[in-house]
Amino acid sequence: MSNRHNLPHCQQVSLAPGAPLPDWLLACQQPVKLCNYVSHWPAVTLAQQNAQALCDHLLEYYTGEPLGFFFAEPEVKGRFFYNHDMSGFNFEKVAAGLDLILTKLIESADLTSPPAMFIGGTHLQHYLPNFSTLNLPFPIPASQVRNGLWIGNQSRVAIHQDLPLNIACCVAGTRQFTLFPPSQTNNLYVGPLEFTPSGQPVSLVDLHHIDHQRFPAFSGALAHAQIATLTPGDALFIPSMWWHEVEATAPFNMLVNYWWRTTPAFADAPIHALQHALLSIASLPEHEKQIWQDIFAHYIFSNDSERFSHIPSAAKGMLGELDDNKARQLRSLLMQSLNR
C-alpha cells in the first residue's frame, strides 16, 4: 500500500465565504486549501442533510439534455484508467439524463461492491445554467472562466495536470487530492500524450499500490508531494500545471471547479508547441537538439527584456509584443508549414 497518507498537508487558510480571492493567492505557486470557502452555498447545506435533497436541488436547474458519464465495473475499485495492456480503457463513457444518473448513484450507495460511476468535468453552466443563481461563485479576476461539474461515487482520477488555474469546491462527500509540483514530471512516469483516459496525459503509477520496482524514481516525486482533504464547503486552489490525483471517498460526492487563465485570449495552448517540437526537434541528432535548446532559451525562456533591443521597434515583427493581429499571422505561418 502507498504511504501517501503520511504526506504533508498543503497550506490552508480561512477566508470569509465567497470573499474576493486575495492577490497573494492568485500569484501563489503552491496549492492552498480554503477552509469553508463555499460553505454558504445552499447546495452544500442540502448535501449535509442527505444526497436526495442535493439531487432535487440540482434537478431544479437541469436543462434535460443528456450528458456524458463514466462507468466501470466493480472490479476496477473506482480507478478509472487504462486496461491491462493499455490497448484501451477499463471503463465506458455513455450518455444519459442527469435524473437517471443521480438515481443510479443513490441506489448504488447501498451496494457492498458497487460499479464506479462519475460525471467528470461536465460544463456546469451548460447543463445547469442557473445553478450559480443561489450558489454564488466567488469573484474570479478573469473574463473567460470555465466551470466543471463532478458527481459520482467512490472513484479515482489518475495523476494529471491542467494548464489553467483551478479552484475546486467540495459540495458533497470527501475528496482527497495528492499533489506534485510540475518539477516532478520526470519522476511520475507519464503515459502517452494523445491516447489518454480523459484528455490529459496521466501518470501510470497507482497511488494505492505503488510498484517501486517498475517505477523506482517515483519515490522522488513522493518526497515533494502534498495532500489536501476537502469536506463539504472546502475549496482548493491548484496552480497551473501542478500534477494531482483526485480520489472521491464517499458513496455520493459532488465537486464544482472553476478553471481560468491569465494569458491573453489569443495565446495558444503550450501543448501545441510541444507537439510541434516532437515533429520537428525530437528526432534531430543530439548536437542539433542542443543548438535548438539554446535557441529556445534565447527566444522563449530568457527574461532579458533587452535581448531584442538592437532591432528597431517597427521591424521586430513576431519578436515584438504579441497582439491579436500578430497571433493570426503566426497561426497562418504555422498552417502553411504544416499543410505540406
C-alpha atoms as a PDB file:
ATOM      1  CA  MET A   1       0.000   0.000   0.000  1.00  0.00           C
ATOM      2  CA  SER A   2       1.031   3.598  -0.561  1.00  0.00           C
ATOM      3  CA  ASN A   3       2.328   5.775   2.248  1.00  0.00           C
ATOM      4  CA  ARG A   4       0.515   8.763   0.760  1.00  0.00           C
ATOM      5  CA  HIS A   5      -1.473   9.307   3.962  1.00  0.00           C
ATOM      6  CA  ASN A   6       1.804  10.257   5.675  1.00  0.00           C
ATOM      7  CA  LEU A   7       2.423  13.089   3.222  1.00  0.00           C
ATOM      8  CA  PRO A   8       2.382  16.681   4.465  1.00  0.00           C
ATOM      9  CA  HIS A   9      -0.805  18.673   4.062  1.00  0.00           C
ATOM     10  CA  CYS A  10      -0.728  21.678   1.794  1.00  0.00           C
ATOM     11  CA  GLN A  11      -1.054  25.181   3.197  1.00  0.00           C
ATOM     12  CA  GLN A  12      -4.547  26.067   4.382  1.00  0.00           C
ATOM     13  CA  VAL A  13      -6.205  29.413   5.111  1.00  0.00           C
ATOM     14  CA  SER A  14      -9.616  30.640   6.179  1.00  0.00           C
ATOM     15  CA  LEU A  15     -11.274  33.266   4.025  1.00  0.00           C
ATOM     16  CA  ALA A  16     -14.748  34.675   4.547  1.00  0.00           C
ATOM     17  CA  PRO A  17     -17.145  32.539   2.468  1.00  0.00           C
ATOM     18  CA  GLY A  18     -17.393  33.967  -1.038  1.00  0.00           C
ATOM     19  CA  ALA A  19     -14.866  36.755  -0.335  1.00  0.00           C
ATOM     20  CA  PRO A  20     -12.686  38.040  -3.190  1.00  0.00           C
ATOM     21  CA  LEU A  21      -9.606  35.959  -3.792  1.00  0.00           C
ATOM     22  CA  PRO A  22      -6.563  37.831  -2.451  1.00  0.00           C
ATOM     23  CA  ASP A  23      -3.772  38.794  -4.824  1.00  0.00           C
ATOM     24  CA  TRP A  24      -1.219  36.701  -2.936  1.00  0.00           C
ATOM     25  CA  LEU A  25      -3.315  33.589  -3.549  1.00  0.00           C
ATOM     26  CA  LEU A  26      -3.750  34.246  -7.273  1.00  0.00           C
ATOM     27  CA  ALA A  27       0.024  34.594  -7.587  1.00  0.00           C
ATOM     28  CA  CYS A  28       0.803  31.605  -5.373  1.00  0.00           C
ATOM     29  CA  GLN A  29       2.880  28.767  -6.844  1.00  0.00           C
ATOM     30  CA  GLN A  30       1.756  26.278  -4.188  1.00  0.00           C
ATOM     31  CA  PRO A  31      -1.661  24.659  -3.657  1.00  0.00           C
ATOM     32  CA  VAL A  32      -3.736  26.251  -0.901  1.00  0.00           C
ATOM     33  CA  LYS A  33      -6.785  24.806   0.863  1.00  0.00           C
ATOM     34  CA  LEU A  34      -9.542  27.358   1.514  1.00  0.00           C
ATOM     35  CA  CYS A  35     -11.423  26.100   4.552  1.00  0.00           C
ATOM     36  CA  ASN A  36     -15.231  26.554   4.424  1.00  0.00           C
ATOM     37  CA  TYR A  37     -14.911  28.932   1.466  1.00  0.00           C
ATOM     38  CA  VAL A  38     -18.165  27.807  -0.195  1.00  0.00           C
ATOM     39  CA  SER A  39     -19.967  26.727   2.988  1.00  0.00           C
ATOM     40  CA  HIS A  40     -22.616  29.396   2.278  1.00  0.00           C
ATOM     41  CA  TRP A  41     -23.856  27.596  -0.843  1.00  0.00           C
ATOM     42  CA  PRO A  42     -27.371  26.125  -0.465  1.00  0.00           C
ATOM     43  CA  ALA A  43     -26.106  23.048  -2.309  1.00  0.00           C
ATOM     44  CA  VAL A  44     -23.568  22.431   0.473  1.00  0.00           C
ATOM     45  CA  THR A  45     -26.243  22.799   3.171  1.00  0.00           C
ATOM     46  CA  LEU A  46     -28.581  20.388   1.363  1.00  0.00           C
ATOM     47  CA  ALA A  47     -25.765  17.874   0.826  1.00  0.00           C
ATOM     48  CA  GLN A  48     -25.209  17.751   4.578  1.00  0.00           C
ATOM     49  CA  GLN A  49     -28.892  16.797   5.025  1.00  0.00           C
ATOM     50  CA  ASN A  50     -28.837  13.902   2.556  1.00  0.00           C
ATOM     51  CA  ALA A  51     -27.940  13.084  -1.024  1.00  0.00           C
ATOM     52  CA  GLN A  52     -31.550  13.135  -2.222  1.00  0.00           C
ATOM     53  CA  ALA A  53     -32.029  16.735  -1.064  1.00  0.00           C
ATOM     54  CA  LEU A  54     -28.979  17.775  -3.070  1.00  0.00           C
ATOM     55  CA  CYS A  55     -30.156  15.823  -6.128  1.00  0.00           C
ATOM     56  CA  ASP A  56     -33.577  17.517  -6.031  1.00  0.00           C
ATOM     57  CA  HIS A  57     -31.791  20.877  -5.871  1.00  0.00           C
ATOM     58  CA  LEU A  58     -29.662  20.087  -8.922  1.00  0.00           C
ATOM     59  CA  LEU A  59     -32.602  18.882 -10.959  1.00  0.00           C
ATOM     60  CA  GLU A  60     -34.322  22.239 -10.442  1.00  0.00           C
ATOM     61  CA  TYR A  61     -31.663  23.751 -12.717  1.00  0.00           C
ATOM     62  CA  TYR A  62     -31.197  20.867 -15.166  1.00  0.00           C
ATOM     63  CA  THR A  63     -31.947  21.573 -18.828  1.00  0.00           C
ATOM     64  CA  GLY A  64     -32.859  17.963 -19.602  1.00  0.00           C
ATOM     65  CA  GLU A  65     -30.090  17.475 -22.144  1.00  0.00           C
ATOM     66  CA  PRO A  66     -28.287  14.094 -21.826  1.00  0.00           C
ATOM     67  CA  LEU A  67     -24.748  14.360 -20.508  1.00  0.00           C
ATOM     68  CA  GLY A  68     -21.787  12.019 -20.527  1.00  0.00           C
ATOM     69  CA  PHE A  69     -20.692   9.969 -17.565  1.00  0.00           C
ATOM     70  CA  PHE A  70     -18.052   7.329 -16.897  1.00  0.00           C
ATOM     71  CA  PHE A  71     -18.998   3.795 -15.858  1.00  0.00           C
ATOM     72  CA  ALA A  72     -16.694   0.979 -14.679  1.00  0.00           C
ATOM     73  CA  GLU A  73     -17.293  -2.483 -13.291  1.00  0.00           C
ATOM     74  CA  PRO A  74     -16.818  -3.076  -9.532  1.00  0.00           C
ATOM     75  CA  GLU A  75     -13.511  -4.904 -10.145  1.00  0.00           C
ATOM     76  CA  VAL A  76     -11.683  -1.664 -11.011  1.00  0.00           C
ATOM     77  CA  LYS A  77     -12.396  -0.398  -7.470  1.00  0.00           C
ATOM     78  CA  GLY A  78     -13.022   3.125  -8.651  1.00  0.00           C
ATOM     79  CA  ARG A  79      -9.748   3.565 -10.533  1.00  0.00           C
ATOM     80  CA  PHE A  80     -10.602   4.928 -13.975  1.00  0.00           C
ATOM     81  CA  PHE A  81      -7.593   4.011 -16.062  1.00  0.00           C
ATOM     82  CA  TYR A  82      -6.226   2.011 -18.993  1.00  0.00           C
ATOM     83  CA  ASN A  83      -6.973  -1.682 -19.393  1.00  0.00           C
ATOM     84  CA  HIS A  84      -4.264  -4.232 -18.527  1.00  0.00           C
ATOM     85  CA  ASP A  85      -2.254  -3.890 -21.784  1.00  0.00           C
ATOM     86  CA  MET A  86      -3.050  -0.195 -22.473  1.00  0.00           C
ATOM     87  CA  SER A  87      -4.882  -1.095 -25.679  1.00  0.00           C
ATOM     88  CA  GLY A  88      -7.986   0.621 -24.327  1.00  0.00           C
ATOM     89  CA  PHE A  89      -9.593   1.669 -21.065  1.00  0.00           C
ATOM     90  CA  ASN A  90     -11.197  -0.089 -18.111  1.00  0.00           C
ATOM     91  CA  PHE A  91     -14.397   1.976 -18.340  1.00  0.00           C
ATOM     92  CA  GLU A  92     -17.089   3.122 -20.723  1.00  0.00           C
ATOM     93  CA  LYS A  93     -18.344   6.626 -21.351  1.00  0.00           C
ATOM     94  CA  VAL A  94     -22.060   6.805 -22.063  1.00  0.00           C
ATOM     95  CA  ALA A  95     -24.760   9.479 -22.145  1.00  0.00           C
ATOM     96  CA  ALA A  96     -27.888   9.646 -20.020  1.00  0.00           C
ATOM     97  CA  GLY A  97     -30.152  12.124 -18.288  1.00  0.00           C
ATOM     98  CA  LEU A  98     -28.942  13.647 -15.048  1.00  0.00           C
ATOM     99  CA  ASP A  99     -32.055  12.375 -13.251  1.00  0.00           C
ATOM    100  CA  LEU A 100     -31.248   8.769 -14.192  1.00  0.00           C
ATOM    101  CA  ILE A 101     -27.561   9.132 -13.252  1.00  0.00           C
ATOM    102  CA  LEU A 102     -28.408  10.582  -9.842  1.00  0.00           C
ATOM    103  CA  THR A 103     -30.938   7.803  -9.197  1.00  0.00           C
ATOM    104  CA  LYS A 104     -28.346   5.130 -10.031  1.00  0.00           C
ATOM    105  CA  LEU A 105     -25.801   6.783  -7.756  1.00  0.00           C
ATOM    106  CA  ILE A 106     -28.178   6.877  -4.803  1.00  0.00           C
ATOM    107  CA  GLU A 107     -29.182   3.247  -5.402  1.00  0.00           C
ATOM    108  CA  SER A 108     -25.527   2.176  -5.593  1.00  0.00           C
ATOM    109  CA  ALA A 109     -24.808   3.617  -2.142  1.00  0.00           C
ATOM    110  CA  ASP A 110     -26.402   0.532  -0.546  1.00  0.00           C
ATOM    111  CA  LEU A 111     -24.359  -1.979  -2.567  1.00  0.00           C
ATOM    112  CA  THR A 112     -21.407  -3.775  -0.991  1.00  0.00           C
ATOM    113  CA  SER A 113     -19.430  -3.638  -4.237  1.00  0.00           C
ATOM    114  CA  PRO A 114     -20.974  -1.006  -6.497  1.00  0.00           C
ATOM    115  CA  PRO A 115     -19.912  -0.168 -10.030  1.00  0.00           C
ATOM    116  CA  ALA A 116     -17.893   3.037 -10.236  1.00  0.00           C
ATOM    117  CA  MET A 117     -19.712   5.985 -11.779  1.00  0.00           C
ATOM    118  CA  PHE A 118     -18.974   9.657 -12.170  1.00  0.00           C
ATOM    119  CA  ILE A 119     -19.773  12.718 -14.203  1.00  0.00           C
ATOM    120  CA  GLY A 120     -16.385  14.237 -14.973  1.00  0.00           C
ATOM    121  CA  GLY A 121     -15.628  17.843 -15.834  1.00  0.00           C
ATOM    122  CA  THR A 122     -19.011  18.424 -17.472  1.00  0.00           C
ATOM    123  CA  HIS A 123     -19.721  22.054 -18.318  1.00  0.00           C
ATOM    124  CA  LEU A 124     -21.851  23.128 -15.354  1.00  0.00           C
ATOM    125  CA  GLN A 125     -23.108  26.329 -16.956  1.00  0.00           C
ATOM    126  CA  HIS A 126     -24.338  24.420 -19.999  1.00  0.00           C
ATOM    127  CA  TYR A 127     -26.366  21.734 -18.207  1.00  0.00           C
ATOM    128  CA  LEU A 128     -27.344  23.603 -15.029  1.00  0.00           C
ATOM    129  CA  PRO A 129     -27.295  27.209 -16.270  1.00  0.00           C
ATOM    130  CA  ASN A 130     -28.908  28.773 -13.193  1.00  0.00           C
ATOM    131  CA  PHE A 131     -27.048  26.794 -10.529  1.00  0.00           C
ATOM    132  CA  SER A 132     -24.974  29.878  -9.704  1.00  0.00           C
ATOM    133  CA  THR A 133     -28.072  31.994  -9.042  1.00  0.00           C
ATOM    134  CA  LEU A 134     -28.104  30.807  -5.422  1.00  0.00           C
ATOM    135  CA  ASN A 135     -24.739  29.042  -5.266  1.00  0.00           C
ATOM    136  CA  LEU A 136     -22.916  32.254  -5.962  1.00  0.00           C
ATOM    137  CA  PRO A 137     -19.422  31.824  -7.395  1.00  0.00           C
ATOM    138  CA  PHE A 138     -16.661  33.843  -5.814  1.00  0.00           C
ATOM    139  CA  PRO A 139     -15.191  36.719  -7.824  1.00  0.00           C
ATOM    140  CA  ILE A 140     -12.546  35.470 -10.272  1.00  0.00           C
ATOM    141  CA  PRO A 141     -10.462  38.174 -11.993  1.00  0.00           C
ATOM    142  CA  ALA A 142     -10.799  36.723 -15.496  1.00  0.00           C
ATOM    143  CA  SER A 143     -13.302  37.234 -18.290  1.00  0.00           C
ATOM    144  CA  GLN A 144     -13.181  33.635 -19.543  1.00  0.00           C
ATOM    145  CA  VAL A 145     -13.978  31.181 -16.743  1.00  0.00           C
ATOM    146  CA  ARG A 146     -14.993  27.582 -17.361  1.00  0.00           C
ATOM    147  CA  ASN A 147     -16.802  25.711 -14.630  1.00  0.00           C
ATOM    148  CA  GLY A 148     -16.859  21.942 -14.254  1.00  0.00           C
ATOM    149  CA  LEU A 149     -19.298  19.566 -12.584  1.00  0.00           C
ATOM    150  CA  TRP A 150     -18.093  16.333 -10.956  1.00  0.00           C
ATOM    151  CA  ILE A 151     -20.610  13.923  -9.386  1.00  0.00           C
ATOM    152  CA  GLY A 152     -20.076  10.253  -8.554  1.00  0.00           C
ATOM    153  CA  ASN A 153     -19.413   7.553  -6.017  1.00  0.00           C
ATOM    154  CA  GLN A 154     -16.021   6.228  -4.916  1.00  0.00           C
ATOM    155  CA  SER A 155     -13.641   6.952  -7.772  1.00  0.00           C
ATOM    156  CA  ARG A 156     -10.070   7.905  -8.551  1.00  0.00           C
ATOM    157  CA  VAL A 157      -8.843  10.161 -11.341  1.00  0.00           C
ATOM    158  CA  ALA A 158      -5.213   9.345 -12.180  1.00  0.00           C
ATOM    159  CA  ILE A 159      -2.387  11.823 -11.598  1.00  0.00           C
ATOM    160  CA  HIS A 160      -2.665  14.519 -14.281  1.00  0.00           C
ATOM    161  CA  GLN A 161      -2.096  18.249 -14.699  1.00  0.00           C
ATOM    162  CA  ASP A 162      -4.185  21.141 -16.040  1.00  0.00           C
ATOM    163  CA  LEU A 163      -2.967  24.260 -17.798  1.00  0.00           C
ATOM    164  CA  PRO A 164      -5.480  26.718 -16.271  1.00  0.00           C
ATOM    165  CA  LEU A 165      -5.538  27.920 -12.713  1.00  0.00           C
ATOM    166  CA  ASN A 166      -8.089  25.898 -10.800  1.00  0.00           C
ATOM    167  CA  ILE A 167     -10.269  26.242  -7.729  1.00  0.00           C
ATOM    168  CA  ALA A 168     -12.052  23.015  -6.786  1.00  0.00           C
ATOM    169  CA  CYS A 169     -15.055  23.340  -4.452  1.00  0.00           C
ATOM    170  CA  CYS A 170     -16.320  20.346  -2.480  1.00  0.00           C
ATOM    171  CA  VAL A 171     -20.132  20.278  -2.286  1.00  0.00           C
ATOM    172  CA  ALA A 172     -20.805  16.727  -1.056  1.00  0.00           C
ATOM    173  CA  GLY A 173     -18.737  13.827   0.221  1.00  0.00           C
ATOM    174  CA  THR A 174     -14.979  13.938   0.651  1.00  0.00           C
ATOM    175  CA  ARG A 175     -12.195  14.480  -1.884  1.00  0.00           C
ATOM    176  CA  GLN A 176      -8.538  13.777  -1.302  1.00  0.00           C
ATOM    177  CA  PHE A 177      -6.057  15.483  -3.605  1.00  0.00           C
ATOM    178  CA  THR A 178      -2.485  14.217  -3.839  1.00  0.00           C
ATOM    179  CA  LEU A 179      -0.425  16.959  -5.463  1.00  0.00           C
ATOM    180  CA  PHE A 180       3.018  17.052  -7.074  1.00  0.00           C
ATOM    181  CA  PRO A 181       4.878  20.147  -8.327  1.00  0.00           C
ATOM    182  CA  PRO A 182       5.496  20.465 -12.089  1.00  0.00           C
ATOM    183  CA  SER A 183       9.217  19.857 -11.466  1.00  0.00           C
ATOM    184  CA  GLN A 184       8.439  16.195 -10.712  1.00  0.00           C
ATOM    185  CA  THR A 185       7.354  15.269 -14.248  1.00  0.00           C
ATOM    186  CA  ASN A 186      10.493  13.115 -14.741  1.00  0.00           C
ATOM    187  CA  ASN A 187       9.582  11.021 -11.683  1.00  0.00           C
ATOM    188  CA  LEU A 188       5.892  10.464 -12.465  1.00  0.00           C
ATOM    189  CA  TYR A 189       6.129   8.002 -15.389  1.00  0.00           C
ATOM    190  CA  VAL A 190       3.627   9.835 -17.569  1.00  0.00           C
ATOM    191  CA  GLY A 191       1.836   7.820 -20.268  1.00  0.00           C
ATOM    192  CA  PRO A 192       1.036   8.681 -23.907  1.00  0.00           C
ATOM    193  CA  LEU A 193       0.242  12.260 -24.890  1.00  0.00           C
ATOM    194  CA  GLU A 194      -2.523  11.525 -27.397  1.00  0.00           C
ATOM    195  CA  PHE A 195      -4.106   8.314 -26.029  1.00  0.00           C
ATOM    196  CA  THR A 196      -5.421   9.252 -22.607  1.00  0.00           C
ATOM    197  CA  PRO A 197      -8.329   8.262 -20.341  1.00  0.00           C
ATOM    198  CA  SER A 198      -9.975  11.691 -20.397  1.00  0.00           C
ATOM    199  CA  GLY A 199      -7.925  14.179 -22.395  1.00  0.00           C
ATOM    200  CA  GLN A 200      -4.850  14.857 -20.266  1.00  0.00           C
ATOM    201  CA  PRO A 201      -1.749  12.619 -20.097  1.00  0.00           C
ATOM    202  CA  VAL A 202      -1.688  10.679 -16.831  1.00  0.00           C
ATOM    203  CA  SER A 203       0.894   9.020 -14.618  1.00  0.00           C
ATOM    204  CA  LEU A 204       0.944   5.227 -14.889  1.00  0.00           C
ATOM    205  CA  VAL A 205       1.614   4.870 -11.155  1.00  0.00           C
ATOM    206  CA  ASP A 206      -1.209   3.536  -8.972  1.00  0.00           C
ATOM    207  CA  LEU A 207      -1.039   5.502  -5.730  1.00  0.00           C
ATOM    208  CA  HIS A 208      -2.853   2.737  -3.865  1.00  0.00           C
ATOM    209  CA  HIS A 209      -0.396   0.058  -4.973  1.00  0.00           C
ATOM    210  CA  ILE A 210       2.908   1.642  -5.964  1.00  0.00           C
ATOM    211  CA  ASP A 211       5.162  -0.716  -7.906  1.00  0.00           C
ATOM    212  CA  HIS A 212       8.534   0.661  -6.823  1.00  0.00           C
ATOM    213  CA  GLN A 213      10.382  -1.901  -8.908  1.00  0.00           C
ATOM    214  CA  ARG A 214       8.701  -0.752 -12.117  1.00  0.00           C
ATOM    215  CA  PHE A 215       8.684   2.934 -11.101  1.00  0.00           C
ATOM    216  CA  PRO A 216      11.833   3.394  -8.980  1.00  0.00           C
ATOM    217  CA  ALA A 217      12.058   7.169  -9.404  1.00  0.00           C
ATOM    218  CA  PHE A 218       8.535   7.704  -8.099  1.00  0.00           C
ATOM    219  CA  SER A 219       9.883   7.861  -4.544  1.00  0.00           C
ATOM    220  CA  GLY A 220      11.485  11.146  -5.597  1.00  0.00           C
ATOM    221  CA  ALA A 221       8.063  12.508  -6.556  1.00  0.00           C
ATOM    222  CA  LEU A 222       6.603  11.391  -3.226  1.00  0.00           C
ATOM    223  CA  ALA A 223       9.318  13.353  -1.429  1.00  0.00           C
ATOM    224  CA  HIS A 224       7.790  16.535  -2.900  1.00  0.00           C
ATOM    225  CA  ALA A 225       4.107  15.574  -2.676  1.00  0.00           C
ATOM    226  CA  GLN A 226       1.367  17.245  -0.630  1.00  0.00           C
ATOM    227  CA  ILE A 227      -2.176  16.231   0.182  1.00  0.00           C
ATOM    228  CA  ALA A 228      -5.386  18.159   0.717  1.00  0.00           C
ATOM    229  CA  THR A 229      -8.591  16.612   2.036  1.00  0.00           C
ATOM    230  CA  LEU A 230     -11.769  18.533   1.261  1.00  0.00           C
ATOM    231  CA  THR A 231     -15.055  18.152   3.100  1.00  0.00           C
ATOM    232  CA  PRO A 232     -18.294  19.939   2.134  1.00  0.00           C
ATOM    233  CA  GLY A 233     -17.733  23.688   1.947  1.00  0.00           C
ATOM    234  CA  ASP A 234     -13.955  23.500   1.466  1.00  0.00           C
ATOM    235  CA  ALA A 235     -12.145  24.592  -1.693  1.00  0.00           C
ATOM    236  CA  LEU A 236      -8.653  24.069  -3.082  1.00  0.00           C
ATOM    237  CA  PHE A 237      -6.574  26.424  -5.205  1.00  0.00           C
ATOM    238  CA  ILE A 238      -4.342  24.486  -7.620  1.00  0.00           C
ATOM    239  CA  PRO A 239      -1.713  26.481  -9.536  1.00  0.00           C
ATOM    240  CA  SER A 240      -1.215  25.901 -13.246  1.00  0.00           C
ATOM    241  CA  MET A 241       0.413  22.577 -14.198  1.00  0.00           C
ATOM    242  CA  TRP A 242       0.559  21.058 -10.715  1.00  0.00           C
ATOM    243  CA  TRP A 243       0.109  17.306 -11.015  1.00  0.00           C
ATOM    244  CA  HIS A 244      -2.752  15.899  -8.936  1.00  0.00           C
ATOM    245  CA  GLU A 245      -4.663  12.705  -8.283  1.00  0.00           C
ATOM    246  CA  VAL A 246      -8.242  13.145  -7.076  1.00  0.00           C
ATOM    247  CA  GLU A 247      -9.966  10.490  -5.001  1.00  0.00           C
ATOM    248  CA  ALA A 248     -13.652  10.683  -4.086  1.00  0.00           C
ATOM    249  CA  THR A 249     -14.170   8.560  -0.998  1.00  0.00           C
ATOM    250  CA  ALA A 250     -17.879   8.796  -0.080  1.00  0.00           C
ATOM    251  CA  PRO A 251     -20.805   6.864  -1.603  1.00  0.00           C
ATOM    252  CA  PHE A 252     -22.053  10.172  -3.075  1.00  0.00           C
ATOM    253  CA  ASN A 253     -19.686  13.013  -3.962  1.00  0.00           C
ATOM    254  CA  MET A 254     -20.036  16.319  -5.758  1.00  0.00           C
ATOM    255  CA  LEU A 255     -17.437  18.899  -6.679  1.00  0.00           C
ATOM    256  CA  VAL A 256     -17.647  22.102  -8.725  1.00  0.00           C
ATOM    257  CA  ASN A 257     -14.487  23.654 -10.084  1.00  0.00           C
ATOM    258  CA  TYR A 258     -13.511  26.808 -11.908  1.00  0.00           C
ATOM    259  CA  TRP A 259     -10.687  26.977 -14.488  1.00  0.00           C
ATOM    260  CA  TRP A 260      -9.253  30.205 -15.854  1.00  0.00           C
ATOM    261  CA  ARG A 261      -6.108  31.584 -17.447  1.00  0.00           C
ATOM    262  CA  THR A 262      -4.349  34.908 -17.028  1.00  0.00           C
ATOM    263  CA  THR A 263      -2.850  34.972 -20.537  1.00  0.00           C
ATOM    264  CA  PRO A 264      -4.438  36.906 -23.422  1.00  0.00           C
ATOM    265  CA  ALA A 265      -7.271  35.208 -25.297  1.00  0.00           C
ATOM    266  CA  PHE A 266      -5.122  34.907 -28.435  1.00  0.00           C
ATOM    267  CA  ALA A 267      -2.472  32.851 -26.616  1.00  0.00           C
ATOM    268  CA  ASP A 268      -2.393  29.237 -27.792  1.00  0.00           C
ATOM    269  CA  ALA A 269      -2.071  26.173 -25.556  1.00  0.00           C
ATOM    270  CA  PRO A 270       1.613  25.332 -24.917  1.00  0.00           C
ATOM    271  CA  ILE A 271       0.900  21.638 -25.562  1.00  0.00           C
ATOM    272  CA  HIS A 272       0.632  22.506 -29.266  1.00  0.00           C
ATOM    273  CA  ALA A 273       4.207  23.786 -29.195  1.00  0.00           C
ATOM    274  CA  LEU A 274       5.278  20.519 -27.569  1.00  0.00           C
ATOM    275  CA  GLN A 275       3.501  18.513 -30.258  1.00  0.00           C
ATOM    276  CA  HIS A 276       5.209  20.539 -32.993  1.00  0.00           C
ATOM    277  CA  ALA A 277       8.567  20.102 -31.249  1.00  0.00           C
ATOM    278  CA  LEU A 278       8.043  16.335 -31.263  1.00  0.00           C
ATOM    279  CA  LEU A 279       7.535  16.589 -35.008  1.00  0.00           C
ATOM    280  CA  SER A 280      10.428  18.911 -35.744  1.00  0.00           C
ATOM    281  CA  ILE A 281      13.065  18.629 -32.985  1.00  0.00           C
ATOM    282  CA  ALA A 282      12.828  15.361 -31.060  1.00  0.00           C
ATOM    283  CA  SER A 283      14.458  13.225 -33.787  1.00  0.00           C
ATOM    284  CA  LEU A 284      17.363  15.582 -34.503  1.00  0.00           C
ATOM    285  CA  PRO A 285      20.942  14.490 -33.726  1.00  0.00           C
ATOM    286  CA  GLU A 286      21.959  15.287 -30.161  1.00  0.00           C
ATOM    287  CA  HIS A 287      24.266  18.145 -31.091  1.00  0.00           C
ATOM    288  CA  GLU A 288      21.500  19.780 -33.152  1.00  0.00           C
ATOM    289  CA  LYS A 289      18.985  19.389 -30.319  1.00  0.00           C
ATOM    290  CA  GLN A 290      21.438  21.227 -28.062  1.00  0.00           C
ATOM    291  CA  ILE A 291      21.599  24.042 -30.599  1.00  0.00           C
ATOM    292  CA  TRP A 292      17.817  24.339 -30.592  1.00  0.00           C
ATOM    293  CA  GLN A 293      17.711  24.174 -26.820  1.00  0.00           C
ATOM    294  CA  ASP A 294      19.982  27.221 -26.764  1.00  0.00           C
ATOM    295  CA  ILE A 295      17.844  28.978 -29.384  1.00  0.00           C
ATOM    296  CA  PHE A 296      14.683  28.357 -27.378  1.00  0.00           C
ATOM    297  CA  ALA A 297      16.450  29.595 -24.266  1.00  0.00           C
ATOM    298  CA  HIS A 298      17.254  32.830 -26.086  1.00  0.00           C
ATOM    299  CA  TYR A 299      13.949  33.488 -27.842  1.00  0.00           C
ATOM    300  CA  ILE A 300      11.417  31.966 -25.436  1.00  0.00           C
ATOM    301  CA  PHE A 301      12.739  31.358 -21.931  1.00  0.00           C
ATOM    302  CA  SER A 302      15.081  34.298 -21.400  1.00  0.00           C
ATOM    303  CA  ASN A 303      13.925  37.036 -19.022  1.00  0.00           C
ATOM    304  CA  ASP A 304      16.296  39.581 -20.561  1.00  0.00           C
ATOM    305  CA  SER A 305      13.942  42.308 -21.780  1.00  0.00           C
ATOM    306  CA  GLU A 306      16.782  43.923 -23.763  1.00  0.00           C
ATOM    307  CA  ARG A 307      17.729  40.914 -25.910  1.00  0.00           C
ATOM    308  CA  PHE A 308      15.886  42.341 -28.951  1.00  0.00           C
ATOM    309  CA  SER A 309      16.652  45.991 -28.307  1.00  0.00           C
ATOM    310  CA  HIS A 310      19.096  46.073 -31.244  1.00  0.00           C
ATOM    311  CA  ILE A 311      16.152  45.674 -33.646  1.00  0.00           C
ATOM    312  CA  PRO A 312      14.099  48.799 -34.450  1.00  0.00           C
ATOM    313  CA  SER A 313      10.630  48.531 -32.907  1.00  0.00           C
ATOM    314  CA  ALA A 314       8.880  48.761 -36.275  1.00  0.00           C
ATOM    315  CA  ALA A 315      10.963  45.859 -37.593  1.00  0.00           C
ATOM    316  CA  LYS A 316      10.621  43.412 -34.679  1.00  0.00           C
ATOM    317  CA  GLY A 317       7.632  41.606 -36.157  1.00  0.00           C
ATOM    318  CA  MET A 318       6.800  38.489 -34.158  1.00  0.00           C
ATOM    319  CA  LEU A 319       9.640  39.316 -31.735  1.00  0.00           C
ATOM    320  CA  GLY A 320       7.708  42.368 -30.581  1.00  0.00           C
ATOM    321  CA  GLU A 321       4.779  42.378 -28.216  1.00  0.00           C
ATOM    322  CA  LEU A 322       2.131  39.950 -29.404  1.00  0.00           C
ATOM    323  CA  ASP A 323      -1.414  41.080 -30.143  1.00  0.00           C
ATOM    324  CA  ASP A 324      -4.419  39.599 -31.947  1.00  0.00           C
ATOM    325  CA  ASN A 325      -3.103  40.543 -35.376  1.00  0.00           C
ATOM    326  CA  LYS A 326       0.394  39.102 -34.846  1.00  0.00           C
ATOM    327  CA  ALA A 327      -1.122  35.950 -33.347  1.00  0.00           C
ATOM    328  CA  ARG A 328      -3.182  35.466 -36.527  1.00  0.00           C
ATOM    329  CA  GLN A 329      -0.054  35.941 -38.639  1.00  0.00           C
ATOM    330  CA  LEU A 330       1.824  33.331 -36.597  1.00  0.00           C
ATOM    331  CA  ARG A 331      -1.036  30.853 -36.941  1.00  0.00           C
ATOM    332  CA  SER A 332      -1.090  31.452 -40.684  1.00  0.00           C
ATOM    333  CA  LEU A 333       2.638  30.707 -40.929  1.00  0.00           C
ATOM    334  CA  LEU A 334       2.210  27.529 -38.885  1.00  0.00           C
ATOM    335  CA  MET A 335      -0.691  26.339 -41.009  1.00  0.00           C
ATOM    336  CA  GLN A 336       1.301  26.901 -44.180  1.00  0.00           C
ATOM    337  CA  SER A 337       4.204  24.884 -42.796  1.00  0.00           C
ATOM    338  CA  LEU A 338       2.011  22.014 -41.588  1.00  0.00           C
ATOM    339  CA  ASN A 339      -0.181  21.759 -44.694  1.00  0.00           C
ATOM    340  CA  ARG A 340       2.512  20.399 -46.980  1.00  0.00           C
END
